[in-house]
Amino acid sequence: MRGAGVGHLSGLVNIQMIYYILMRTLNQPYSEIKNIPLNDALFFINYENAIQDYIQQEMKKKGKR
């Protein structure tokens, strides 16, 4: 399938992460909003970098085998 790379899905994933974070914070007092897991927030912010890091780690694993 032509053009079905990871880049085409990034917009959808970002929308899903925004929705996930909003649903977790909806109807919660501010004191609980700041308790969003840090990994969730960092994943959303650094999504593209996380993909590149994952690919590099997998390449290193395959190289060591």
Protein backbone atom coordinates (compact mmCIF):
# COMPACT_ATOMS: atom_id res chain seq x y z
CA MET A 1 0.00 0.00 0.00
CA ARG A 2 1.61 3.20 -1.15
CA GLY A 3 1.88 6.15 1.23
CA ALA A 4 0.86 4.28 4.37
CA GLY A 5 3.87 5.31 6.44
CA VAL A 6 3.89 6.23 10.10
CA GLY A 7 3.79 9.94 9.24
CA HIS A 8 0.28 9.61 7.85
CA LEU A 9 -0.99 8.30 11.17
CA SER A 10 0.69 10.88 13.40
CA GLY A 11 -2.17 13.39 13.12
CA LEU A 12 -4.71 10.78 14.17
CA VAL A 13 -2.56 9.63 17.07
CA ASN A 14 -2.08 13.23 18.23
CA ILE A 15 -5.84 13.78 18.17
CA GLN A 16 -6.36 10.59 20.17
CA MET A 17 -3.79 11.69 22.77
CA ILE A 18 -5.42 15.13 23.10
CA TYR A 19 -8.79 13.43 23.57
CA TYR A 20 -7.31 11.03 26.14
CA ILE A 21 -5.74 13.85 28.16
CA LEU A 22 -8.90 15.98 28.00
CA MET A 23 -11.10 13.10 29.13
CA ARG A 24 -8.76 12.44 32.07
CA THR A 25 -8.89 16.08 33.13
CA LEU A 26 -12.59 16.70 32.54
CA ASN A 27 -14.55 17.48 35.72
CA GLN A 28 -11.47 17.24 37.92
CA PRO A 29 -10.26 19.97 40.26
CA TYR A 30 -7.03 21.71 39.28
CA SER A 31 -5.12 19.92 42.04
CA GLU A 32 -5.84 16.59 40.30
CA ILE A 33 -5.19 17.86 36.77
CA LYS A 34 -1.51 18.24 37.54
CA ASN A 35 -1.44 14.53 38.43
CA ILE A 36 -1.65 13.44 34.77
CA PRO A 37 1.06 10.80 34.37
CA LEU A 38 4.22 12.48 33.16
CA ASN A 39 4.85 9.73 30.62
CA ASP A 40 1.50 10.45 28.92
CA ALA A 41 2.27 14.15 28.62
CA LEU A 42 5.85 13.60 27.44
CA PHE A 43 4.72 11.01 24.89
CA PHE A 44 2.24 13.47 23.43
CA ILE A 45 4.75 16.32 23.29
CA ASN A 46 7.65 14.26 21.94
CA TYR A 47 5.69 11.81 19.77
CA GLU A 48 7.84 12.17 16.66
CA ASN A 49 11.07 11.95 18.66
CA ALA A 50 9.75 8.91 20.50
CA ILE A 51 9.15 7.12 17.20
CA GLN A 52 12.70 7.86 16.03
CA ASP A 53 14.17 6.70 19.36
CA TYR A 54 12.16 3.49 19.20
CA ILE A 55 13.32 2.77 15.65
CA GLN A 56 16.95 3.38 16.63
CA GLN A 57 16.64 1.08 19.66
CA GLU A 58 15.14 -1.68 17.52
CA MET A 59 17.93 -1.31 14.95
CA LYS A 60 20.53 -1.59 17.73
CA LYS A 61 18.81 -4.71 19.10
CA LYS A 62 18.82 -6.34 15.67
CA GLY A 63 22.48 -5.41 15.21
CA LYS A 64 23.49 -7.11 18.47
CA ARG A 65 21.80 -10.41 17.60
